[in-house]
């Protein structure tokens, strides 16, 4: 299993970023995909998840209405569109699957929201 996140960077408050997570080593279309984030000194928190075929999704209250999770099963990729970014969204963002009772993580991508 390999998960590779990309798309992070430095953005001003109110800006947007789109994160991508390219997956390999498993049958992507069979698994719920999740985005987590971890800010300095804080625990990792679930940001959003999307079902295997994309019919269901949900979000942390802190990002509802601003973030959108989506997936392209033909490309084995999950996305996180982040709009109206706030300084408190600054964190390392990780994608995740749980497969055969084991959690797999990518290396993460840094998102910094600052003026």
PDB file of N, CA and C in Angstrom:
ATOM      1  N   UNK A   1       0.850  -1.182   0.000  1.00  0.00           N
ATOM      2  CA  UNK A   1       0.000   0.000   0.000  1.00  0.00           C
ATOM      3  C   UNK A   1       0.892   1.240   0.000  1.00  0.00           C
ATOM      4  N   UNK A   2       0.603   2.141  -0.924  1.00  0.00           N
ATOM      5  CA  UNK A   2       1.338   3.403  -0.945  1.00  0.00           C
ATOM      6  C   UNK A   2       0.354   4.540  -1.144  1.00  0.00           C
ATOM      7  N   UNK A   3       0.508   5.569  -0.330  1.00  0.00           N
ATOM      8  CA  UNK A   3      -0.306   6.766  -0.415  1.00  0.00           C
ATOM      9  C   UNK A   3       0.636   7.958  -0.513  1.00  0.00           C
ATOM     10  N   UNK A   4       0.463   8.775  -1.535  1.00  0.00           N
ATOM     11  CA  UNK A   4       1.367   9.902  -1.752  1.00  0.00           C
ATOM     12  C   UNK A   4       0.549  11.176  -1.881  1.00  0.00           C
ATOM     13  N   UNK A   5       0.673  12.031  -0.871  1.00  0.00           N
ATOM     14  CA  UNK A   5      -0.054  13.299  -0.876  1.00  0.00           C
ATOM     15  C   UNK A   5       0.753  14.378  -1.593  1.00  0.00           C
ATOM     16  N   UNK A   6       0.038  15.323  -2.171  1.00  0.00           N
ATOM     17  CA  UNK A   6       0.668  16.476  -2.801  1.00  0.00           C
ATOM     18  C   UNK A   6      -0.315  17.636  -2.810  1.00  0.00           C
ATOM     19  N   UNK A   7       0.204  18.827  -3.141  1.00  0.00           N
ATOM     20  CA  UNK A   7      -0.665  19.986  -3.304  1.00  0.00           C
ATOM     21  C   UNK A   7      -0.633  20.985  -2.169  1.00  0.00           C
ATOM     22  N   UNK A   8       0.093  20.670  -1.112  1.00  0.00           N
ATOM     23  CA  UNK A   8       0.175  21.614  -0.006  1.00  0.00           C
ATOM     24  C   UNK A   8       1.015  22.830  -0.362  1.00  0.00           C
ATOM     25  N   UNK A   9       1.044  23.781   0.560  1.00  0.00           N
ATOM     26  CA  UNK A   9       1.835  24.983   0.343  1.00  0.00           C
ATOM     27  C   UNK A   9       1.435  26.091   1.283  1.00  0.00           C
ATOM     28  N   UNK A  10       1.938  27.275   0.979  1.00  0.00           N
ATOM     29  CA  UNK A  10       1.635  28.471   1.756  1.00  0.00           C
ATOM     30  C   UNK A  10       0.552  29.265   1.042  1.00  0.00           C
ATOM     31  N   UNK A  11      -0.495  29.627   1.749  1.00  0.00           N
ATOM     32  CA  UNK A  11      -1.608  30.368   1.159  1.00  0.00           C
ATOM     33  C   UNK A  11      -2.086  31.406   2.152  1.00  0.00           C
ATOM     34  N   UNK A  12      -2.590  32.513   1.634  1.00  0.00           N
ATOM     35  CA  UNK A  12      -3.117  33.560   2.503  1.00  0.00           C
ATOM     36  C   UNK A  12      -4.495  33.185   3.028  1.00  0.00           C
ATOM     37  N   UNK A  13      -4.882  33.727   4.166  1.00  0.00           N
ATOM     38  CA  UNK A  13      -6.249  33.496   4.657  1.00  0.00           C
ATOM     39  C   UNK A  13      -7.276  33.864   3.591  1.00  0.00           C
ATOM     40  N   UNK A  14      -8.280  33.007   3.470  1.00  0.00           N
ATOM     41  CA  UNK A  14      -9.292  33.194   2.442  1.00  0.00           C
ATOM     42  C   UNK A  14      -8.971  32.516   1.122  1.00  0.00           C
ATOM     43  N   UNK A  15      -7.762  32.010   1.000  1.00  0.00           N
ATOM     44  CA  UNK A  15      -7.342  31.356  -0.234  1.00  0.00           C
ATOM     45  C   UNK A  15      -7.801  29.916  -0.327  1.00  0.00           C
ATOM     46  N   UNK A  16      -7.363  29.270  -1.407  1.00  0.00           N
ATOM     47  CA  UNK A  16      -7.766  27.892  -1.692  1.00  0.00           C
ATOM     48  C   UNK A  16      -6.558  27.046  -2.047  1.00  0.00           C
ATOM     49  N   UNK A  17      -6.680  25.767  -1.765  1.00  0.00           N
ATOM     50  CA  UNK A  17      -5.715  24.759  -2.193  1.00  0.00           C
ATOM     51  C   UNK A  17      -6.482  23.484  -2.513  1.00  0.00           C
ATOM     52  N   UNK A  18      -5.918  22.682  -3.416  1.00  0.00           N
ATOM     53  CA  UNK A  18      -6.458  21.351  -3.652  1.00  0.00           C
ATOM     54  C   UNK A  18      -5.371  20.331  -3.392  1.00  0.00           C
ATOM     55  N   UNK A  19      -5.626  19.462  -2.444  1.00  0.00           N
ATOM     56  CA  UNK A  19      -4.707  18.379  -2.127  1.00  0.00           C
ATOM     57  C   UNK A  19      -5.092  17.142  -2.932  1.00  0.00           C
ATOM     58  N   UNK A  20      -4.090  16.362  -3.272  1.00  0.00           N
ATOM     59  CA  UNK A  20      -4.292  15.093  -3.961  1.00  0.00           C
ATOM     60  C   UNK A  20      -3.590  13.992  -3.185  1.00  0.00           C
ATOM     61  N   UNK A  21      -4.144  12.803  -3.268  1.00  0.00           N
ATOM     62  CA  UNK A  21      -3.517  11.627  -2.685  1.00  0.00           C
ATOM     63  C   UNK A  21      -3.592  10.512  -3.715  1.00  0.00           C
ATOM     64  N   UNK A  22      -2.438  10.142  -4.245  1.00  0.00           N
ATOM     65  CA  UNK A  22      -2.357   9.068  -5.225  1.00  0.00           C
ATOM     66  C   UNK A  22      -2.114   7.755  -4.500  1.00  0.00           C
ATOM     67  N   UNK A  23      -2.951   6.777  -4.795  1.00  0.00           N
ATOM     68  CA  UNK A  23      -2.908   5.505  -4.079  1.00  0.00           C
ATOM     69  C   UNK A  23      -2.471   4.376  -5.003  1.00  0.00           C
ATOM     70  N   UNK A  24      -1.791   3.397  -4.439  1.00  0.00           N
ATOM     71  CA  UNK A  24      -1.397   2.215  -5.201  1.00  0.00           C
ATOM     72  C   UNK A  24      -1.212   1.055  -4.245  1.00  0.00           C
ATOM     73  N   UNK A  25      -1.206  -0.137  -4.810  1.00  0.00           N
ATOM     74  CA  UNK A  25      -0.943  -1.330  -4.005  1.00  0.00           C
ATOM     75  C   UNK A  25      -2.174  -1.991  -3.425  1.00  0.00           C
ATOM     76  N   UNK A  26      -3.336  -1.480  -3.764  1.00  0.00           N
ATOM     77  CA  UNK A  26      -4.575  -2.087  -3.309  1.00  0.00           C
ATOM     78  C   UNK A  26      -5.676  -1.678  -4.283  1.00  0.00           C
ATOM     79  N   UNK A  27      -6.836  -2.315  -4.140  1.00  0.00           N
ATOM     80  CA  UNK A  27      -7.951  -2.008  -5.033  1.00  0.00           C
ATOM     81  C   UNK A  27      -8.656  -0.766  -4.513  1.00  0.00           C
ATOM     82  N   UNK A  28      -8.243   0.357  -5.044  1.00  0.00           N
ATOM     83  CA  UNK A  28      -8.670   1.665  -4.548  1.00  0.00           C
ATOM     84  C   UNK A  28     -10.189   1.804  -4.472  1.00  0.00           C
ATOM     85  N   UNK A  29     -10.874   1.320  -5.481  1.00  0.00           N
ATOM     86  CA  UNK A  29     -12.318   1.548  -5.587  1.00  0.00           C
ATOM     87  C   UNK A  29     -13.123   0.807  -4.537  1.00  0.00           C
ATOM     88  N   UNK A  30     -12.484  -0.037  -3.746  1.00  0.00           N
ATOM     89  CA  UNK A  30     -13.193  -0.810  -2.736  1.00  0.00           C
ATOM     90  C   UNK A  30     -13.140  -0.176  -1.347  1.00  0.00           C
ATOM     91  N   UNK A  31     -12.380   0.903  -1.216  1.00  0.00           N
ATOM     92  CA  UNK A  31     -12.109   1.408   0.126  1.00  0.00           C
ATOM     93  C   UNK A  31     -12.581   2.836   0.346  1.00  0.00           C
ATOM     94  N   UNK A  32     -13.127   3.052   1.547  1.00  0.00           N
ATOM     95  CA  UNK A  32     -13.362   4.410   2.020  1.00  0.00           C
ATOM     96  C   UNK A  32     -12.012   5.094   2.193  1.00  0.00           C
ATOM     97  N   UNK A  33     -11.949   6.342   1.759  1.00  0.00           N
ATOM     98  CA  UNK A  33     -10.723   7.125   1.902  1.00  0.00           C
ATOM     99  C   UNK A  33     -10.960   8.279   2.872  1.00  0.00           C
ATOM    100  N   UNK A  34      -9.932   8.601   3.613  1.00  0.00           N
ATOM    101  CA  UNK A  34     -10.034   9.644   4.634  1.00  0.00           C
ATOM    102  C   UNK A  34      -8.892  10.643   4.513  1.00  0.00           C
ATOM    103  N   UNK A  35      -9.191  11.873   4.869  1.00  0.00           N
ATOM    104  CA  UNK A  35      -8.163  12.893   5.055  1.00  0.00           C
ATOM    105  C   UNK A  35      -8.118  13.259   6.541  1.00  0.00           C
ATOM    106  N   UNK A  36      -6.928  13.261   7.082  1.00  0.00           N
ATOM    107  CA  UNK A  36      -6.684  13.710   8.447  1.00  0.00           C
ATOM    108  C   UNK A  36      -5.731  14.909   8.393  1.00  0.00           C
ATOM    109  N   UNK A  37      -5.634  15.600   9.516  1.00  0.00           N
ATOM    110  CA  UNK A  37      -4.620  16.642   9.634  1.00  0.00           C
ATOM    111  C   UNK A  37      -4.078  16.659  11.059  1.00  0.00           C
ATOM    112  N   UNK A  38      -2.862  17.153  11.173  1.00  0.00           N
ATOM    113  CA  UNK A  38      -2.234  17.281  12.481  1.00  0.00           C
ATOM    114  C   UNK A  38      -1.496  18.604  12.553  1.00  0.00           C
ATOM    115  N   UNK A  39      -1.951  19.447  13.467  1.00  0.00           N
ATOM    116  CA  UNK A  39      -1.305  20.729  13.709  1.00  0.00           C
ATOM    117  C   UNK A  39      -0.240  20.554  14.791  1.00  0.00           C
ATOM    118  N   UNK A  40       0.741  21.419  14.833  1.00  0.00           N
ATOM    119  CA  UNK A  40       1.792  21.308  15.846  1.00  0.00           C
ATOM    120  C   UNK A  40       1.212  21.272  17.257  1.00  0.00           C
ATOM    121  N   UNK A  41       1.632  20.289  18.029  1.00  0.00           N
ATOM    122  CA  UNK A  41       1.194  20.180  19.405  1.00  0.00           C
ATOM    123  C   UNK A  41      -0.208  19.644  19.607  1.00  0.00           C
ATOM    124  N   UNK A  42      -0.833  19.232  18.511  1.00  0.00           N
ATOM    125  CA  UNK A  42      -2.206  18.720  18.605  1.00  0.00           C
ATOM    126  C   UNK A  42      -2.276  17.290  18.087  1.00  0.00           C
ATOM    127  N   UNK A  43      -3.351  16.611  18.459  1.00  0.00           N
ATOM    128  CA  UNK A  43      -3.560  15.260  17.974  1.00  0.00           C
ATOM    129  C   UNK A  43      -4.047  15.286  16.521  1.00  0.00           C
ATOM    130  N   UNK A  44      -3.782  14.189  15.843  1.00  0.00           N
ATOM    131  CA  UNK A  44      -4.280  14.057  14.476  1.00  0.00           C
ATOM    132  C   UNK A  44      -5.801  13.966  14.519  1.00  0.00           C
ATOM    133  N   UNK A  45      -6.448  14.701  13.605  1.00  0.00           N
ATOM    134  CA  UNK A  45      -7.911  14.719  13.595  1.00  0.00           C
ATOM    135  C   UNK A  45      -8.433  14.376  12.203  1.00  0.00           C
ATOM    136  N   UNK A  46      -9.580  13.717  12.178  1.00  0.00           N
ATOM    137  CA  UNK A  46     -10.234  13.379  10.923  1.00  0.00           C
ATOM    138  C   UNK A  46     -10.864  14.637  10.342  1.00  0.00           C
ATOM    139  N   UNK A  47     -10.569  14.909   9.095  1.00  0.00           N
ATOM    140  CA  UNK A  47     -11.104  16.078   8.409  1.00  0.00           C
ATOM    141  C   UNK A  47     -12.296  15.706   7.537  1.00  0.00           C
ATOM    142  N   UNK A  48     -12.158  14.626   6.774  1.00  0.00           N
ATOM    143  CA  UNK A  48     -13.223  14.244   5.843  1.00  0.00           C
ATOM    144  C   UNK A  48     -13.031  12.801   5.425  1.00  0.00           C
ATOM    145  N   UNK A  49     -14.123  12.172   5.035  1.00  0.00           N
ATOM    146  CA  UNK A  49     -14.048  10.825   4.453  1.00  0.00           C
ATOM    147  C   UNK A  49     -15.016  10.731   3.299  1.00  0.00           C
ATOM    148  N   UNK A  50     -14.740   9.770   2.424  1.00  0.00           N
ATOM    149  CA  UNK A  50     -15.609   9.535   1.286  1.00  0.00           C
ATOM    150  C   UNK A  50     -15.711   8.042   1.069  1.00  0.00           C
ATOM    151  N   UNK A  51     -16.898   7.568   0.759  1.00  0.00           N
ATOM    152  CA  UNK A  51     -17.132   6.134   0.579  1.00  0.00           C
ATOM    153  C   UNK A  51     -16.460   5.631  -0.686  1.00  0.00           C
ATOM    154  N   UNK A  52     -16.449   4.329  -0.831  1.00  0.00           N
ATOM    155  CA  UNK A  52     -15.676   3.685  -1.893  1.00  0.00           C
ATOM    156  C   UNK A  52     -16.072   4.141  -3.299  1.00  0.00           C
ATOM    157  N   UNK A  53     -17.368   4.347  -3.518  1.00  0.00           N
ATOM    158  CA  UNK A  53     -17.797   4.793  -4.849  1.00  0.00           C
ATOM    159  C   UNK A  53     -18.180   6.267  -4.851  1.00  0.00           C
ATOM    160  N   UNK A  54     -17.935   6.937  -3.752  1.00  0.00           N
ATOM    161  CA  UNK A  54     -18.149   8.368  -3.705  1.00  0.00           C
ATOM    162  C   UNK A  54     -19.572   8.799  -3.407  1.00  0.00           C
ATOM    163  N   UNK A  55     -20.431   7.855  -3.050  1.00  0.00           N
ATOM    164  CA  UNK A  55     -21.816   8.218  -2.816  1.00  0.00           C
ATOM    165  C   UNK A  55     -22.080   8.878  -1.488  1.00  0.00           C
ATOM    166  N   UNK A  56     -21.151   8.709  -0.559  1.00  0.00           N
ATOM    167  CA  UNK A  56     -21.313   9.298   0.772  1.00  0.00           C
ATOM    168  C   UNK A  56     -20.021   9.981   1.182  1.00  0.00           C
ATOM    169  N   UNK A  57     -20.176  11.052   1.927  1.00  0.00           N
ATOM    170  CA  UNK A  57     -19.014  11.780   2.450  1.00  0.00           C
ATOM    171  C   UNK A  57     -19.448  12.528   3.695  1.00  0.00           C
ATOM    172  N   UNK A  58     -18.494  12.851   4.522  1.00  0.00           N
ATOM    173  CA  UNK A  58     -18.800  13.662   5.699  1.00  0.00           C
ATOM    174  C   UNK A  58     -17.539  14.419   6.090  1.00  0.00           C
ATOM    175  N   UNK A  59     -17.758  15.426   6.952  1.00  0.00           N
ATOM    176  CA  UNK A  59     -16.702  16.366   7.269  1.00  0.00           C
ATOM    177  C   UNK A  59     -16.697  16.699   8.755  1.00  0.00           C
ATOM    178  N   UNK A  60     -15.540  17.079   9.227  1.00  0.00           N
ATOM    179  CA  UNK A  60     -15.463  17.662  10.560  1.00  0.00           C
ATOM    180  C   UNK A  60     -16.239  18.969  10.568  1.00  0.00           C
ATOM    181  N   UNK A  61     -16.840  19.277  11.705  1.00  0.00           N
ATOM    182  CA  UNK A  61     -17.622  20.510  11.792  1.00  0.00           C
ATOM    183  C   UNK A  61     -16.789  21.740  11.448  1.00  0.00           C
ATOM    184  N   UNK A  62     -15.519  21.695  11.781  1.00  0.00           N
ATOM    185  CA  UNK A  62     -14.652  22.854  11.578  1.00  0.00           C
ATOM    186  C   UNK A  62     -14.397  23.174  10.111  1.00  0.00           C
ATOM    187  N   UNK A  63     -14.680  22.216   9.208  1.00  0.00           N
ATOM    188  CA  UNK A  63     -14.405  22.450   7.782  1.00  0.00           C
ATOM    189  C   UNK A  63     -15.655  22.359   6.918  1.00  0.00           C
ATOM    190  N   UNK A  64     -16.785  22.015   7.498  1.00  0.00           N
ATOM    191  CA  UNK A  64     -18.019  21.899   6.714  1.00  0.00           C
ATOM    192  C   UNK A  64     -18.336  23.201   6.005  1.00  0.00           C
ATOM    193  N   UNK A  65     -18.698  23.068   4.745  1.00  0.00           N
ATOM    194  CA  UNK A  65     -19.028  24.237   3.944  1.00  0.00           C
ATOM    195  C   UNK A  65     -17.824  24.891   3.287  1.00  0.00           C
ATOM    196  N   UNK A  66     -16.614  24.475   3.683  1.00  0.00           N
ATOM    197  CA  UNK A  66     -15.392  25.054   3.104  1.00  0.00           C
ATOM    198  C   UNK A  66     -14.565  24.017   2.343  1.00  0.00           C
ATOM    199  N   UNK A  67     -14.567  22.785   2.817  1.00  0.00           N
ATOM    200  CA  UNK A  67     -13.771  21.724   2.205  1.00  0.00           C
ATOM    201  C   UNK A  67     -14.691  20.748   1.469  1.00  0.00           C
ATOM    202  N   UNK A  68     -14.179  20.183   0.389  1.00  0.00           N
ATOM    203  CA  UNK A  68     -14.911  19.164  -0.361  1.00  0.00           C
ATOM    204  C   UNK A  68     -13.977  18.014  -0.683  1.00  0.00           C
ATOM    205  N   UNK A  69     -14.377  16.814  -0.297  1.00  0.00           N
ATOM    206  CA  UNK A  69     -13.611  15.612  -0.626  1.00  0.00           C
ATOM    207  C   UNK A  69     -14.225  14.972  -1.864  1.00  0.00           C
ATOM    208  N   UNK A  70     -13.368  14.463  -2.737  1.00  0.00           N
ATOM    209  CA  UNK A  70     -13.846  13.770  -3.931  1.00  0.00           C
ATOM    210  C   UNK A  70     -12.828  12.705  -4.303  1.00  0.00           C
ATOM    211  N   UNK A  71     -13.197  11.852  -5.252  1.00  0.00           N
ATOM    212  CA  UNK A  71     -12.284  10.791  -5.663  1.00  0.00           C
ATOM    213  C   UNK A  71     -12.499  10.484  -7.128  1.00  0.00           C
ATOM    214  N   UNK A  72     -11.446   9.989  -7.739  1.00  0.00           N
ATOM    215  CA  UNK A  72     -11.492   9.521  -9.118  1.00  0.00           C
ATOM    216  C   UNK A  72     -10.971   8.090  -9.102  1.00  0.00           C
ATOM    217  N   UNK A  73     -11.864   7.142  -9.134  1.00  0.00           N
ATOM    218  CA  UNK A  73     -11.455   5.746  -9.031  1.00  0.00           C
ATOM    219  C   UNK A  73     -10.679   5.272 -10.263  1.00  0.00           C
ATOM    220  N   UNK A  74     -10.856   5.940 -11.370  1.00  0.00           N
ATOM    221  CA  UNK A  74     -10.090   5.590 -12.570  1.00  0.00           C
ATOM    222  C   UNK A  74      -8.624   6.004 -12.425  1.00  0.00           C
ATOM    223  N   UNK A  75      -8.382   7.020 -11.595  1.00  0.00           N
ATOM    224  CA  UNK A  75      -7.019   7.517 -11.392  1.00  0.00           C
ATOM    225  C   UNK A  75      -6.440   7.109 -10.038  1.00  0.00           C
ATOM    226  N   UNK A  76      -7.212   6.349  -9.268  1.00  0.00           N
ATOM    227  CA  UNK A  76      -6.761   5.934  -7.921  1.00  0.00           C
ATOM    228  C   UNK A  76      -6.325   7.126  -7.090  1.00  0.00           C
ATOM    229  N   UNK A  77      -7.109   8.167  -7.126  1.00  0.00           N
ATOM    230  CA  UNK A  77      -6.737   9.407  -6.455  1.00  0.00           C
ATOM    231  C   UNK A  77      -7.925   9.970  -5.682  1.00  0.00           C
ATOM    232  N   UNK A  78      -7.635  10.477  -4.497  1.00  0.00           N
ATOM    233  CA  UNK A  78      -8.622  11.189  -3.700  1.00  0.00           C
ATOM    234  C   UNK A  78      -8.150  12.631  -3.543  1.00  0.00           C
ATOM    235  N   UNK A  79      -9.094  13.545  -3.520  1.00  0.00           N
ATOM    236  CA  UNK A  79      -8.788  14.966  -3.488  1.00  0.00           C
ATOM    237  C   UNK A  79      -9.429  15.628  -2.267  1.00  0.00           C
ATOM    238  N   UNK A  80      -8.862  16.741  -1.873  1.00  0.00           N
ATOM    239  CA  UNK A  80      -9.473  17.583  -0.850  1.00  0.00           C
ATOM    240  C   UNK A  80      -9.378  19.023  -1.334  1.00  0.00           C
ATOM    241  N   UNK A  81     -10.507  19.560  -1.758  1.00  0.00           N
ATOM    242  CA  UNK A  81     -10.569  20.962  -2.172  1.00  0.00           C
ATOM    243  C   UNK A  81     -10.832  21.796  -0.924  1.00  0.00           C
ATOM    244  N   UNK A  82      -9.940  22.734  -0.669  1.00  0.00           N
ATOM    245  CA  UNK A  82     -10.034  23.543   0.544  1.00  0.00           C
ATOM    246  C   UNK A  82     -10.189  25.007   0.150  1.00  0.00           C
ATOM    247  N   UNK A  83     -11.324  25.572   0.504  1.00  0.00           N
ATOM    248  CA  UNK A  83     -11.621  26.970   0.208  1.00  0.00           C
ATOM    249  C   UNK A  83     -11.751  27.767   1.501  1.00  0.00           C
ATOM    250  N   UNK A  84     -11.700  29.068   1.366  1.00  0.00           N
ATOM    251  CA  UNK A  84     -11.855  29.967   2.528  1.00  0.00           C
ATOM    252  C   UNK A  84     -10.946  29.534   3.681  1.00  0.00           C
ATOM    253  N   UNK A  85      -9.707  29.294   3.352  1.00  0.00           N
ATOM    254  CA  UNK A  85      -8.774  28.774   4.354  1.00  0.00           C
ATOM    255  C   UNK A  85      -8.532  29.772   5.476  1.00  0.00           C
ATOM    256  N   UNK A  86      -8.344  29.228   6.658  1.00  0.00           N
ATOM    257  CA  UNK A  86      -8.115  30.012   7.874  1.00  0.00           C
ATOM    258  C   UNK A  86      -6.762  29.632   8.472  1.00  0.00           C
ATOM    259  N   UNK A  87      -6.182  30.510   9.260  1.00  0.00           N
ATOM    260  CA  UNK A  87      -4.913  30.162   9.906  1.00  0.00           C
ATOM    261  C   UNK A  87      -5.003  28.870  10.713  1.00  0.00           C
ATOM    262  N   UNK A  88      -6.150  28.609  11.287  1.00  0.00           N
ATOM    263  CA  UNK A  88      -6.305  27.377  12.081  1.00  0.00           C
ATOM    264  C   UNK A  88      -6.368  26.115  11.234  1.00  0.00           C
ATOM    265  N   UNK A  89      -6.383  26.243   9.928  1.00  0.00           N
ATOM    266  CA  UNK A  89      -6.296  25.082   9.045  1.00  0.00           C
ATOM    267  C   UNK A  89      -4.843  24.658   8.820  1.00  0.00           C
ATOM    268  N   UNK A  90      -3.907  25.432   9.330  1.00  0.00           N
ATOM    269  CA  UNK A  90      -2.494  25.086   9.189  1.00  0.00           C
ATOM    270  C   UNK A  90      -2.197  23.762   9.871  1.00  0.00           C
ATOM    271  N   UNK A  91      -1.645  22.843   9.104  1.00  0.00           N
ATOM    272  CA  UNK A  91      -1.385  21.485   9.601  1.00  0.00           C
ATOM    273  C   UNK A  91      -0.685  20.683   8.511  1.00  0.00           C
ATOM    274  N   UNK A  92      -0.229  19.508   8.897  1.00  0.00           N
ATOM    275  CA  UNK A  92       0.168  18.510   7.911  1.00  0.00           C
ATOM    276  C   UNK A  92      -1.066  17.663   7.625  1.00  0.00           C
ATOM    277  N   UNK A  93      -1.374  17.499   6.343  1.00  0.00           N
ATOM    278  CA  UNK A  93      -2.548  16.753   5.918  1.00  0.00           C
ATOM    279  C   UNK A  93      -2.138  15.384   5.389  1.00  0.00           C
ATOM    280  N   UNK A  94      -2.856  14.365   5.849  1.00  0.00           N
ATOM    281  CA  UNK A  94      -2.549  12.986   5.500  1.00  0.00           C
ATOM    282  C   UNK A  94      -3.771  12.304   4.917  1.00  0.00           C
ATOM    283  N   UNK A  95      -3.565  11.437   3.938  1.00  0.00           N
ATOM    284  CA  UNK A  95      -4.658  10.558   3.548  1.00  0.00           C
ATOM    285  C   UNK A  95      -4.442   9.191   4.197  1.00  0.00           C
ATOM    286  N   UNK A  96      -5.530   8.442   4.249  1.00  0.00           N
ATOM    287  CA  UNK A  96      -5.544   7.236   5.088  1.00  0.00           C
ATOM    288  C   UNK A  96      -6.530   6.223   4.538  1.00  0.00           C
ATOM    289  N   UNK A  97      -6.166   4.946   4.641  1.00  0.00           N
ATOM    290  CA  UNK A  97      -7.139   3.879   4.492  1.00  0.00           C
ATOM    291  C   UNK A  97      -6.958   2.917   5.648  1.00  0.00           C
ATOM    292  N   UNK A  98      -8.005   2.142   5.901  1.00  0.00           N
ATOM    293  CA  UNK A  98      -7.928   1.034   6.828  1.00  0.00           C
ATOM    294  C   UNK A  98      -8.206  -0.228   6.033  1.00  0.00           C
ATOM    295  N   UNK A  99      -7.228  -1.075   5.978  1.00  0.00           N
ATOM    296  CA  UNK A  99      -7.317  -2.277   5.164  1.00  0.00           C
ATOM    297  C   UNK A  99      -6.890  -3.460   6.012  1.00  0.00           C
ATOM    298  N   UNK A 100      -7.760  -4.435   6.112  1.00  0.00           N
ATOM    299  CA  UNK A 100      -7.474  -5.640   6.908  1.00  0.00           C
ATOM    300  C   UNK A 100      -7.014  -5.248   8.312  1.00  0.00           C
ATOM    301  N   UNK A 101      -7.758  -4.328   8.921  1.00  0.00           N
ATOM    302  CA  UNK A 101      -7.561  -3.886  10.309  1.00  0.00           C
ATOM    303  C   UNK A 101      -6.264  -3.126  10.512  1.00  0.00           C
ATOM    304  N   UNK A 102      -5.622  -2.708   9.435  1.00  0.00           N
ATOM    305  CA  UNK A 102      -4.381  -1.941   9.533  1.00  0.00           C
ATOM    306  C   UNK A 102      -4.590  -0.575   8.904  1.00  0.00           C
ATOM    307  N   UNK A 103      -4.139   0.452   9.595  1.00  0.00           N
ATOM    308  CA  UNK A 103      -4.227   1.807   9.067  1.00  0.00           C
ATOM    309  C   UNK A 103      -2.963   2.142   8.286  1.00  0.00           C
ATOM    310  N   UNK A 104      -3.157   2.697   7.091  1.00  0.00           N
ATOM    311  CA  UNK A 104      -2.047   3.102   6.243  1.00  0.00           C
ATOM    312  C   UNK A 104      -2.097   4.612   6.060  1.00  0.00           C
ATOM    313  N   UNK A 105      -0.922   5.217   6.063  1.00  0.00           N
ATOM    314  CA  UNK A 105      -0.808   6.666   5.964  1.00  0.00           C
ATOM    315  C   UNK A 105       0.199   7.055   4.881  1.00  0.00           C
ATOM    316  N   UNK A 106      -0.029   8.208   4.290  1.00  0.00           N
ATOM    317  CA  UNK A 106       0.986   8.783   3.438  1.00  0.00           C
ATOM    318  C   UNK A 106       1.984   9.557   4.273  1.00  0.00           C
ATOM    319  N   UNK A 107       2.901  10.237   3.569  1.00  0.00           N
ATOM    320  CA  UNK A 107       3.933  11.000   4.268  1.00  0.00           C
ATOM    321  C   UNK A 107       3.441  12.383   4.706  1.00  0.00           C
ATOM    322  N   UNK A 108       2.304  12.779   4.167  1.00  0.00           N
ATOM    323  CA  UNK A 108       1.711  14.059   4.532  1.00  0.00           C
ATOM    324  C   UNK A 108       2.163  15.203   3.640  1.00  0.00           C
ATOM    325  N   UNK A 109       1.343  16.243   3.595  1.00  0.00           N
ATOM    326  CA  UNK A 109       1.689  17.456   2.859  1.00  0.00           C
ATOM    327  C   UNK A 109       1.353  18.649   3.748  1.00  0.00           C
ATOM    328  N   UNK A 110       2.285  19.579   3.840  1.00  0.00           N
ATOM    329  CA  UNK A 110       2.142  20.720   4.740  1.00  0.00           C
ATOM    330  C   UNK A 110       1.264  21.790   4.111  1.00  0.00           C
ATOM    331  N   UNK A 111       0.281  22.241   4.881  1.00  0.00           N
ATOM    332  CA  UNK A 111      -0.544  23.381   4.502  1.00  0.00           C
ATOM    333  C   UNK A 111      -0.331  24.475   5.545  1.00  0.00           C
ATOM    334  N   UNK A 112       0.074  25.639   5.081  1.00  0.00           N
ATOM    335  CA  UNK A 112       0.288  26.768   5.966  1.00  0.00           C
ATOM    336  C   UNK A 112      -0.565  27.938   5.493  1.00  0.00           C
ATOM    337  N   UNK A 113      -1.423  28.422   6.374  1.00  0.00           N
ATOM    338  CA  UNK A 113      -2.300  29.548   6.050  1.00  0.00           C
ATOM    339  C   UNK A 113      -1.837  30.748   6.863  1.00  0.00           C
ATOM    340  N   UNK A 114      -1.279  31.709   6.167  1.00  0.00           N
ATOM    341  CA  UNK A 114      -0.691  32.850   6.856  1.00  0.00           C
ATOM    342  C   UNK A 114      -0.590  34.030   5.909  1.00  0.00           C
ATOM    343  N   UNK A 115      -0.729  35.221   6.474  1.00  0.00           N
ATOM    344  CA  UNK A 115      -0.548  36.433   5.673  1.00  0.00           C
ATOM    345  C   UNK A 115       0.898  36.930   5.775  1.00  0.00           C
TER     346      UNK A 115
END
